[in-house]
Amino acid sequence: MPKTTPGPRTRRTMTAATRAAAKRAERGHRVPAPDASVAGRTVLIEAPKNGWEDPPEPSLESFEEEAPPKDEVEVHPRGRRLLTLVLGVLLLAALVATAVLGWQYRDGSRTESARTQALTAAQKAAPVVLSYDYRHLDKDFARARTHLTGGFHAEYGKTTKAVVGPTAKKYRAVVKATIAAPATGTPAASVVSASPDKVVVLLFINQVTESTQVSGARVDLNRVRMTMTHTDGGWKVSGVDAL
């Protein structure tokens, strides 16, 4: 059988197809050969008139153009408002916590100072307020009132004028009060409760009474609860209760 030589057009077609297939094979693609058989027939791929051209390779610049610039990225208004609200709440909570801690520290410091000052004032006031001598009642009562404040100041004045004074003159009473002291020598006085402006003190008082009603001297051991209130003039007695 005579050997057939492909025509010029057929050779160009096969050459272009072969070259395109080789290029695709280099990129890792599997491309059917130009003489692939389909249904028992040989199919020839006709090359374009301008030849085979590879698609352009994607460049880094093309990817960068697709992504929006950083300065163009916008936060949704609702998300921005929510973030601002959360930050505001956190800031407010921090300020409140700081204020509360500061107030507690100042209040604790003031209370501790009040305990010491009020206890000292009560120990000085108790013997004066609870003592008197029928021979100079006005002087004793006036001195006692310098340690008093508030409603108790007025109440003390009425009681001494209407009851204590006349009775002391009638029976020539002399009462001397002192704070009991154990063997250690420390006055028997302690703070029951305290706040920066008000302190309650418990004192153990010995009262020695001499009058025409008793033979010799009578000693009374009393427990007295004294309320101390802070004033512009210092700590004053605002209440006395015998227990």
Foldseek 3Di string as FASTA:
>chain_A
DDDDDDDPQVVVQQVLQQVVCVVCVVVVDHDDHQQDDDPNHGHGDGADPVGDDDDDDDDPVVVVVVDDDPVPDDDDPVVVVVVVVVVVVVVVVVVVVVVVVVVVVVFVVLFVVCQVQQQVLCQVLVQLLFWAWLVPRVVSLVVNLVQADDPVSVVSVVCCVPPVNVVCNVFRKGKTKHFDAPPVRDGAKHWPDTGSFKTKMKTWMWIWMDTNVDDDIDIDTWIKIWMWGQDPVGIHTHDIDTD
